[in-house]
PDB file of N, CA and C in Angstrom:
ATOM      1  N   MET A   1     -18.773  -3.125   2.851  1.00  0.00           N
ATOM      2  CA  MET A   1     -17.656  -2.992   1.933  1.00  0.00           C
ATOM      3  C   MET A   1     -17.569  -1.568   1.396  1.00  0.00           C
ATOM      4  N   ASP A   2     -18.711  -0.942   1.144  1.00  0.00           N
ATOM      5  CA  ASP A   2     -18.688   0.433   0.641  1.00  0.00           C
ATOM      6  C   ASP A   2     -17.954   1.349   1.610  1.00  0.00           C
ATOM      7  N   ASN A   3     -18.167   1.147   2.906  1.00  0.00           N
ATOM      8  CA  ASN A   3     -17.498   1.947   3.912  1.00  0.00           C
ATOM      9  C   ASN A   3     -15.985   1.740   3.848  1.00  0.00           C
ATOM     10  N   PHE A   4     -15.540   0.509   3.610  1.00  0.00           N
ATOM     11  CA  PHE A   4     -14.110   0.222   3.485  1.00  0.00           C
ATOM     12  C   PHE A   4     -13.503   1.032   2.343  1.00  0.00           C
ATOM     13  N   TYR A   5     -14.168   1.017   1.195  1.00  0.00           N
ATOM     14  CA  TYR A   5     -13.649   1.769   0.046  1.00  0.00           C
ATOM     15  C   TYR A   5     -13.622   3.263   0.335  1.00  0.00           C
ATOM     16  N   ALA A   6     -14.666   3.760   0.966  1.00  0.00           N
ATOM     17  CA  ALA A   6     -14.708   5.187   1.296  1.00  0.00           C
ATOM     18  C   ALA A   6     -13.597   5.546   2.278  1.00  0.00           C
ATOM     19  N   ARG A   7     -13.361   4.688   3.252  1.00  0.00           N
ATOM     20  CA  ARG A   7     -12.333   4.960   4.261  1.00  0.00           C
ATOM     21  C   ARG A   7     -10.923   4.863   3.703  1.00  0.00           C
ATOM     22  N   THR A   8     -10.710   4.077   2.675  1.00  0.00           N
ATOM     23  CA  THR A   8      -9.346   3.841   2.184  1.00  0.00           C
ATOM     24  C   THR A   8      -9.011   4.568   0.889  1.00  0.00           C
ATOM     25  N   ASN A   9      -9.972   5.258   0.288  1.00  0.00           N
ATOM     26  CA  ASN A   9      -9.720   5.939  -0.993  1.00  0.00           C
ATOM     27  C   ASN A   9      -8.497   6.844  -0.956  1.00  0.00           C
ATOM     28  N   GLY A  10      -8.421   7.704   0.043  1.00  0.00           N
ATOM     29  CA  GLY A  10      -7.312   8.656   0.117  1.00  0.00           C
ATOM     30  C   GLY A  10      -5.968   7.965   0.274  1.00  0.00           C
ATOM     31  N   PHE A  11      -5.927   6.954   1.130  1.00  0.00           N
ATOM     32  CA  PHE A  11      -4.682   6.231   1.355  1.00  0.00           C
ATOM     33  C   PHE A  11      -4.247   5.488   0.099  1.00  0.00           C
ATOM     34  N   VAL A  12      -5.177   4.824  -0.551  1.00  0.00           N
ATOM     35  CA  VAL A  12      -4.846   4.080  -1.775  1.00  0.00           C
ATOM     36  C   VAL A  12      -4.317   5.035  -2.845  1.00  0.00           C
ATOM     37  N   SER A  13      -4.968   6.162  -3.011  1.00  0.00           N
ATOM     38  CA  SER A  13      -4.506   7.157  -3.995  1.00  0.00           C
ATOM     39  C   SER A  13      -3.112   7.651  -3.668  1.00  0.00           C
ATOM     40  N   GLU A  14      -2.844   7.887  -2.388  1.00  0.00           N
ATOM     41  CA  GLU A  14      -1.528   8.371  -1.979  1.00  0.00           C
ATOM     42  C   GLU A  14      -0.460   7.289  -2.187  1.00  0.00           C
ATOM     43  N   MET A  15      -0.815   6.036  -1.939  1.00  0.00           N
ATOM     44  CA  MET A  15       0.120   4.931  -2.199  1.00  0.00           C
ATOM     45  C   MET A  15       0.473   4.860  -3.685  1.00  0.00           C
ATOM     46  N   VAL A  16      -0.521   4.977  -4.535  1.00  0.00           N
ATOM     47  CA  VAL A  16      -0.275   4.934  -5.977  1.00  0.00           C
ATOM     48  C   VAL A  16       0.632   6.099  -6.386  1.00  0.00           C
ATOM     49  N   ARG A  17       0.337   7.278  -5.879  1.00  0.00           N
ATOM     50  CA  ARG A  17       1.175   8.442  -6.194  1.00  0.00           C
ATOM     51  C   ARG A  17       2.610   8.241  -5.713  1.00  0.00           C
ATOM     52  N   ALA A  18       2.765   7.665  -4.513  1.00  0.00           N
ATOM     53  CA  ALA A  18       4.110   7.400  -3.984  1.00  0.00           C
ATOM     54  C   ALA A  18       4.856   6.417  -4.878  1.00  0.00           C
ATOM     55  N   CYS A  19       4.160   5.393  -5.336  1.00  0.00           N
ATOM     56  CA  CYS A  19       4.783   4.396  -6.211  1.00  0.00           C
ATOM     57  C   CYS A  19       5.114   4.967  -7.581  1.00  0.00           C
ATOM     58  N   GLN A  20       4.446   6.034  -7.949  1.00  0.00           N
ATOM     59  CA  GLN A  20       4.715   6.686  -9.232  1.00  0.00           C
ATOM     60  C   GLN A  20       5.806   7.742  -9.125  1.00  0.00           C
ATOM     61  N   GLY A  21       6.329   7.939  -7.912  1.00  0.00           N
ATOM     62  CA  GLY A  21       7.466   8.842  -7.757  1.00  0.00           C
ATOM     63  C   GLY A  21       7.174  10.192  -7.136  1.00  0.00           C
ATOM     64  N   SER A  22       5.965  10.442  -6.689  1.00  0.00           N
ATOM     65  CA  SER A  22       5.652  11.719  -6.055  1.00  0.00           C
ATOM     66  C   SER A  22       6.380  11.839  -4.714  1.00  0.00           C
ATOM     67  N   THR A  23       7.267  12.812  -4.616  1.00  0.00           N
ATOM     68  CA  THR A  23       8.047  13.001  -3.400  1.00  0.00           C
ATOM     69  C   THR A  23       7.149  13.316  -2.208  1.00  0.00           C
ATOM     70  N   GLY A  24       6.159  14.152  -2.405  1.00  0.00           N
ATOM     71  CA  GLY A  24       5.242  14.491  -1.314  1.00  0.00           C
ATOM     72  C   GLY A  24       4.478  13.277  -0.823  1.00  0.00           C
ATOM     73  N   ALA A  25       4.001  12.476  -1.758  1.00  0.00           N
ATOM     74  CA  ALA A  25       3.269  11.261  -1.387  1.00  0.00           C
ATOM     75  C   ALA A  25       4.201  10.271  -0.694  1.00  0.00           C
ATOM     76  N   GLN A  26       5.439  10.182  -1.151  1.00  0.00           N
ATOM     77  CA  GLN A  26       6.401   9.268  -0.525  1.00  0.00           C
ATOM     78  C   GLN A  26       6.644   9.662   0.929  1.00  0.00           C
ATOM     79  N   GLN A  27       6.751  10.953   1.191  1.00  0.00           N
ATOM     80  CA  GLN A  27       6.966  11.427   2.559  1.00  0.00           C
ATOM     81  C   GLN A  27       5.755  11.110   3.439  1.00  0.00           C
ATOM     82  N   THR A  28       4.568  11.376   2.917  1.00  0.00           N
ATOM     83  CA  THR A  28       3.346  11.099   3.666  1.00  0.00           C
ATOM     84  C   THR A  28       3.210   9.618   3.964  1.00  0.00           C
ATOM     85  N   ILE A  29       3.410   8.794   2.952  1.00  0.00           N
ATOM     86  CA  ILE A  29       3.279   7.345   3.106  1.00  0.00           C
ATOM     87  C   ILE A  29       4.341   6.812   4.055  1.00  0.00           C
ATOM     88  N   SER A  30       5.553   7.319   3.980  1.00  0.00           N
ATOM     89  CA  SER A  30       6.615   6.865   4.885  1.00  0.00           C
ATOM     90  C   SER A  30       6.238   7.112   6.341  1.00  0.00           C
ATOM     91  N   LEU A  31       5.661   8.266   6.624  1.00  0.00           N
ATOM     92  CA  LEU A  31       5.222   8.568   7.987  1.00  0.00           C
ATOM     93  C   LEU A  31       4.113   7.623   8.438  1.00  0.00           C
ATOM     94  N   LEU A  32       3.155   7.382   7.560  1.00  0.00           N
ATOM     95  CA  LEU A  32       2.047   6.489   7.903  1.00  0.00           C
ATOM     96  C   LEU A  32       2.523   5.055   8.100  1.00  0.00           C
ATOM     97  N   ILE A  33       3.408   4.587   7.237  1.00  0.00           N
ATOM     98  CA  ILE A  33       3.936   3.230   7.380  1.00  0.00           C
ATOM     99  C   ILE A  33       4.723   3.116   8.689  1.00  0.00           C
ATOM    100  N   GLY A  34       5.469   4.153   9.039  1.00  0.00           N
ATOM    101  CA  GLY A  34       6.192   4.156  10.309  1.00  0.00           C
ATOM    102  C   GLY A  34       5.261   3.986  11.493  1.00  0.00           C
ATOM    103  N   GLN A  35       4.118   4.651  11.456  1.00  0.00           N
ATOM    104  CA  GLN A  35       3.127   4.517  12.531  1.00  0.00           C
ATOM    105  C   GLN A  35       2.547   3.107  12.559  1.00  0.00           C
ATOM    106  N   ILE A  36       2.258   2.565  11.393  1.00  0.00           N
ATOM    107  CA  ILE A  36       1.690   1.213  11.299  1.00  0.00           C
ATOM    108  C   ILE A  36       2.687   0.187  11.836  1.00  0.00           C
ATOM    109  N   MET A  37       3.961   0.388  11.575  1.00  0.00           N
ATOM    110  CA  MET A  37       5.002  -0.571  11.965  1.00  0.00           C
ATOM    111  C   MET A  37       5.256  -0.581  13.474  1.00  0.00           C
ATOM    112  N   ARG A  38       4.827   0.448  14.186  1.00  0.00           N
ATOM    113  CA  ARG A  38       5.050   0.516  15.638  1.00  0.00           C
ATOM    114  C   ARG A  38       4.206  -0.480  16.417  1.00  0.00           C
ATOM    115  N   ASP A  39       3.118  -0.916  15.843  1.00  0.00           N
ATOM    116  CA  ASP A  39       2.192  -1.825  16.519  1.00  0.00           C
ATOM    117  C   ASP A  39       2.391  -3.238  15.974  1.00  0.00           C
ATOM    118  N   GLU A  40       2.679  -4.185  16.841  1.00  0.00           N
ATOM    119  CA  GLU A  40       2.921  -5.568  16.405  1.00  0.00           C
ATOM    120  C   GLU A  40       1.729  -6.142  15.639  1.00  0.00           C
ATOM    121  N   ALA A  41       0.517  -5.719  16.001  1.00  0.00           N
ATOM    122  CA  ALA A  41      -0.679  -6.243  15.339  1.00  0.00           C
ATOM    123  C   ALA A  41      -0.783  -5.784  13.890  1.00  0.00           C
ATOM    124  N   THR A  42      -0.258  -4.613  13.581  1.00  0.00           N
ATOM    125  CA  THR A  42      -0.356  -4.083  12.222  1.00  0.00           C
ATOM    126  C   THR A  42       0.982  -4.118  11.473  1.00  0.00           C
ATOM    127  N   LYS A  43       2.011  -4.633  12.112  1.00  0.00           N
ATOM    128  CA  LYS A  43       3.336  -4.680  11.485  1.00  0.00           C
ATOM    129  C   LYS A  43       3.345  -5.452  10.169  1.00  0.00           C
ATOM    130  N   PRO A  44       2.656  -6.612  10.050  1.00  0.00           N
ATOM    131  CA  PRO A  44       2.653  -7.303   8.747  1.00  0.00           C
ATOM    132  C   PRO A  44       2.086  -6.431   7.616  1.00  0.00           C
ATOM    133  N   LEU A  45       1.063  -5.651   7.905  1.00  0.00           N
ATOM    134  CA  LEU A  45       0.519  -4.726   6.911  1.00  0.00           C
ATOM    135  C   LEU A  45       1.569  -3.690   6.542  1.00  0.00           C
ATOM    136  N   GLY A  46       2.237  -3.128   7.537  1.00  0.00           N
ATOM    137  CA  GLY A  46       3.276  -2.136   7.285  1.00  0.00           C
ATOM    138  C   GLY A  46       4.400  -2.681   6.427  1.00  0.00           C
ATOM    139  N   MET A  47       4.785  -3.919   6.688  1.00  0.00           N
ATOM    140  CA  MET A  47       5.845  -4.547   5.890  1.00  0.00           C
ATOM    141  C   MET A  47       5.416  -4.679   4.429  1.00  0.00           C
ATOM    142  N   SER A  48       4.180  -5.104   4.208  1.00  0.00           N
ATOM    143  CA  SER A  48       3.681  -5.234   2.833  1.00  0.00           C
ATOM    144  C   SER A  48       3.608  -3.881   2.150  1.00  0.00           C
ATOM    145  N   LEU A  49       3.156  -2.870   2.860  1.00  0.00           N
ATOM    146  CA  LEU A  49       3.079  -1.528   2.281  1.00  0.00           C
ATOM    147  C   LEU A  49       4.464  -1.026   1.894  1.00  0.00           C
ATOM    148  N   MET A  50       5.431  -1.245   2.779  1.00  0.00           N
ATOM    149  CA  MET A  50       6.797  -0.809   2.492  1.00  0.00           C
ATOM    150  C   MET A  50       7.337  -1.524   1.259  1.00  0.00           C
ATOM    151  N   GLN A  51       7.064  -2.815   1.143  1.00  0.00           N
ATOM    152  CA  GLN A  51       7.535  -3.568  -0.020  1.00  0.00           C
ATOM    153  C   GLN A  51       6.901  -3.052  -1.309  1.00  0.00           C
ATOM    154  N   ILE A  52       5.640  -2.664  -1.249  1.00  0.00           N
ATOM    155  CA  ILE A  52       4.973  -2.109  -2.427  1.00  0.00           C
ATOM    156  C   ILE A  52       5.645  -0.811  -2.855  1.00  0.00           C
ATOM    157  N   VAL A  53       5.933   0.047  -1.893  1.00  0.00           N
ATOM    158  CA  VAL A  53       6.542   1.339  -2.211  1.00  0.00           C
ATOM    159  C   VAL A  53       7.888   1.169  -2.906  1.00  0.00           C
ATOM    160  N   VAL A  54       8.634   0.136  -2.546  1.00  0.00           N
ATOM    161  CA  VAL A  54       9.951  -0.053  -3.174  1.00  0.00           C
ATOM    162  C   VAL A  54       9.889  -0.925  -4.418  1.00  0.00           C
ATOM    163  N   GLY A  55       8.678  -1.302  -4.849  1.00  0.00           N
ATOM    164  CA  GLY A  55       8.543  -1.935  -6.147  1.00  0.00           C
ATOM    165  C   GLY A  55       8.052  -3.366  -6.186  1.00  0.00           C
ATOM    166  N   GLU A  56       7.833  -3.986  -5.048  1.00  0.00           N
ATOM    167  CA  GLU A  56       7.353  -5.375  -5.045  1.00  0.00           C
ATOM    168  C   GLU A  56       5.898  -5.412  -5.515  1.00  0.00           C
ATOM    169  N   ARG A  57       5.590  -6.364  -6.390  1.00  0.00           N
ATOM    170  CA  ARG A  57       4.212  -6.488  -6.891  1.00  0.00           C
ATOM    171  C   ARG A  57       3.691  -7.930  -6.831  1.00  0.00           C
ATOM    172  N   ASP A  58       4.451  -8.832  -6.220  1.00  0.00           N
ATOM    173  CA  ASP A  58       4.035 -10.226  -6.110  1.00  0.00           C
ATOM    174  C   ASP A  58       2.905 -10.333  -5.082  1.00  0.00           C
ATOM    175  N   ARG A  59       1.710 -10.499  -5.571  1.00  0.00           N
ATOM    176  CA  ARG A  59       0.516 -10.500  -4.726  1.00  0.00           C
ATOM    177  C   ARG A  59       0.581 -11.582  -3.644  1.00  0.00           C
ATOM    178  N   ASP A  60       1.038 -12.774  -4.008  1.00  0.00           N
ATOM    179  CA  ASP A  60       1.128 -13.865  -3.027  1.00  0.00           C
ATOM    180  C   ASP A  60       2.091 -13.517  -1.900  1.00  0.00           C
ATOM    181  N   LEU A  61       3.233 -12.979  -2.241  1.00  0.00           N
ATOM    182  CA  LEU A  61       4.224 -12.586  -1.243  1.00  0.00           C
ATOM    183  C   LEU A  61       3.683 -11.482  -0.336  1.00  0.00           C
ATOM    184  N   LEU A  62       3.049 -10.491  -0.931  1.00  0.00           N
ATOM    185  CA  LEU A  62       2.578  -9.327  -0.180  1.00  0.00           C
ATOM    186  C   LEU A  62       1.382  -9.617   0.719  1.00  0.00           C
ATOM    187  N   THR A  63       0.614 -10.638   0.396  1.00  0.00           N
ATOM    188  CA  THR A  63      -0.601 -10.923   1.174  1.00  0.00           C
ATOM    189  C   THR A  63      -0.482 -12.180   2.024  1.00  0.00           C
ATOM    190  N   ASN A  64       0.661 -12.804   2.025  1.00  0.00           N
ATOM    191  CA  ASN A  64       0.871 -14.079   2.696  1.00  0.00           C
ATOM    192  C   ASN A  64       0.433 -14.077   4.164  1.00  0.00           C
ATOM    193  N   ASN A  65       0.755 -13.062   4.915  1.00  0.00           N
ATOM    194  CA  ASN A  65       0.464 -13.016   6.355  1.00  0.00           C
ATOM    195  C   ASN A  65      -0.701 -12.111   6.704  1.00  0.00           C
ATOM    196  N   LEU A  66      -1.543 -11.798   5.743  1.00  0.00           N
ATOM    197  CA  LEU A  66      -2.630 -10.848   5.978  1.00  0.00           C
ATOM    198  C   LEU A  66      -3.988 -11.513   5.862  1.00  0.00           C
ATOM    199  N   GLU A  67      -4.960 -10.928   6.541  1.00  0.00           N
ATOM    200  CA  GLU A  67      -6.349 -11.351   6.415  1.00  0.00           C
ATOM    201  C   GLU A  67      -7.234 -10.155   6.712  1.00  0.00           C
ATOM    202  N   GLY A  68      -8.494 -10.283   6.412  1.00  0.00           N
ATOM    203  CA  GLY A  68      -9.451  -9.210   6.684  1.00  0.00           C
ATOM    204  C   GLY A  68      -9.159  -7.948   5.887  1.00  0.00           C
ATOM    205  N   GLU A  69      -9.371  -6.805   6.537  1.00  0.00           N
ATOM    206  CA  GLU A  69      -9.184  -5.528   5.849  1.00  0.00           C
ATOM    207  C   GLU A  69      -7.748  -5.280   5.383  1.00  0.00           C
ATOM    208  N   PRO A  70      -6.716  -5.665   6.131  1.00  0.00           N
ATOM    209  CA  PRO A  70      -5.359  -5.485   5.588  1.00  0.00           C
ATOM    210  C   PRO A  70      -5.169  -6.218   4.256  1.00  0.00           C
ATOM    211  N   LEU A  71      -5.702  -7.427   4.150  1.00  0.00           N
ATOM    212  CA  LEU A  71      -5.627  -8.182   2.896  1.00  0.00           C
ATOM    213  C   LEU A  71      -6.369  -7.450   1.782  1.00  0.00           C
ATOM    214  N   LEU A  72      -7.560  -6.964   2.088  1.00  0.00           N
ATOM    215  CA  LEU A  72      -8.335  -6.211   1.097  1.00  0.00           C
ATOM    216  C   LEU A  72      -7.594  -4.953   0.659  1.00  0.00           C
ATOM    217  N   LEU A  73      -6.966  -4.276   1.620  1.00  0.00           N
ATOM    218  CA  LEU A  73      -6.242  -3.041   1.309  1.00  0.00           C
ATOM    219  C   LEU A  73      -5.078  -3.302   0.362  1.00  0.00           C
ATOM    220  N   ILE A  74      -4.272  -4.315   0.652  1.00  0.00           N
ATOM    221  CA  ILE A  74      -3.129  -4.618  -0.212  1.00  0.00           C
ATOM    222  C   ILE A  74      -3.604  -5.010  -1.610  1.00  0.00           C
ATOM    223  N   ASN A  75      -4.636  -5.837  -1.679  1.00  0.00           N
ATOM    224  CA  ASN A  75      -5.170  -6.220  -2.993  1.00  0.00           C
ATOM    225  C   ASN A  75      -5.703  -5.004  -3.746  1.00  0.00           C
ATOM    226  N   ARG A  76      -6.349  -4.105  -3.042  1.00  0.00           N
ATOM    227  CA  ARG A  76      -6.876  -2.902  -3.692  1.00  0.00           C
ATOM    228  C   ARG A  76      -5.742  -2.020  -4.223  1.00  0.00           C
ATOM    229  N   ILE A  77      -4.697  -1.852  -3.441  1.00  0.00           N
ATOM    230  CA  ILE A  77      -3.550  -1.056  -3.895  1.00  0.00           C
ATOM    231  C   ILE A  77      -2.924  -1.689  -5.135  1.00  0.00           C
ATOM    232  N   LEU A  78      -2.730  -2.998  -5.099  1.00  0.00           N
ATOM    233  CA  LEU A  78      -2.138  -3.682  -6.251  1.00  0.00           C
ATOM    234  C   LEU A  78      -3.036  -3.574  -7.479  1.00  0.00           C
ATOM    235  N   ASP A  79      -4.343  -3.684  -7.294  1.00  0.00           N
ATOM    236  CA  ASP A  79      -5.272  -3.517  -8.422  1.00  0.00           C
ATOM    237  C   ASP A  79      -5.160  -2.120  -9.016  1.00  0.00           C
ATOM    238  N   GLU A  80      -5.081  -1.110  -8.159  1.00  0.00           N
ATOM    239  CA  GLU A  80      -4.963   0.276  -8.641  1.00  0.00           C
ATOM    240  C   GLU A  80      -3.639   0.483  -9.371  1.00  0.00           C
ATOM    241  N   LEU A  81      -2.570  -0.102  -8.859  1.00  0.00           N
ATOM    242  CA  LEU A  81      -1.280   0.028  -9.532  1.00  0.00           C
ATOM    243  C   LEU A  81      -1.290  -0.649 -10.890  1.00  0.00           C
ATOM    244  N   GLU A  82      -1.955  -1.803 -10.987  1.00  0.00           N
ATOM    245  CA  GLU A  82      -2.056  -2.498 -12.276  1.00  0.00           C
ATOM    246  C   GLU A  82      -2.852  -1.680 -13.280  1.00  0.00           C
ATOM    247  N   ALA A  83      -3.849  -0.962 -12.808  1.00  0.00           N
ATOM    248  CA  ALA A  83      -4.693  -0.154 -13.683  1.00  0.00           C
ATOM    249  C   ALA A  83      -4.049   1.189 -14.021  1.00  0.00           C
ATOM    250  N   SER A  84      -3.022   1.556 -13.290  1.00  0.00           N
ATOM    251  CA  SER A  84      -2.364   2.837 -13.459  1.00  0.00           C
ATOM    252  C   SER A  84      -1.591   2.875 -14.775  1.00  0.00           C
ATOM    253  N   PRO A  85      -1.589   4.010 -15.449  1.00  0.00           N
ATOM    254  CA  PRO A  85      -0.835   4.124 -16.689  1.00  0.00           C
ATOM    255  C   PRO A  85       0.677   4.061 -16.455  1.00  0.00           C
ATOM    256  N   PHE A  86       1.124   4.383 -15.245  1.00  0.00           N
ATOM    257  CA  PHE A  86       2.550   4.334 -14.904  1.00  0.00           C
ATOM    258  C   PHE A  86       2.852   2.967 -14.320  1.00  0.00           C
ATOM    259  N   LYS A  87       3.666   2.188 -15.005  1.00  0.00           N
ATOM    260  CA  LYS A  87       3.945   0.817 -14.583  1.00  0.00           C
ATOM    261  C   LYS A  87       5.365   0.622 -14.067  1.00  0.00           C
ATOM    262  N   GLY A  88       6.176   1.667 -14.101  1.00  0.00           N
ATOM    263  CA  GLY A  88       7.563   1.521 -13.707  1.00  0.00           C
ATOM    264  C   GLY A  88       7.732   1.333 -12.212  1.00  0.00           C
ATOM    265  N   GLN A  89       8.882   0.824 -11.835  1.00  0.00           N
ATOM    266  CA  GLN A  89       9.207   0.690 -10.421  1.00  0.00           C
ATOM    267  C   GLN A  89       9.961   1.917  -9.960  1.00  0.00           C
ATOM    268  N   LEU A  90       9.753   2.244  -8.703  1.00  0.00           N
ATOM    269  CA  LEU A  90      10.370   3.429  -8.149  1.00  0.00           C
ATOM    270  C   LEU A  90      11.862   3.235  -7.943  1.00  0.00           C
ATOM    271  N   TYR A  91      12.274   2.078  -7.512  1.00  0.00           N
ATOM    272  CA  TYR A  91      13.687   1.815  -7.223  1.00  0.00           C
ATOM    273  C   TYR A  91      14.180   0.666  -8.027  1.00  0.00           C
TER     274      TYR A  91
END
């Protein structure tokens, strides 16, 4: 699990920044989500990430089709957003 957190720290931070309105982070995340969406195996993760960026925070909805590390990643992003001082939605 420690390796998972180490591997995802940068991405989670960038997702939080994108959700807080950082234009640079939004551009970076959009490119990464586009790459994730190209593969049918990772498309459900990409869909959840895209929904988070546009303001969705319903954990059940976002994790419905996920398991393993994608599920952990979405939960971690949502936990970080909940802990973030910025609670507004981007759109």
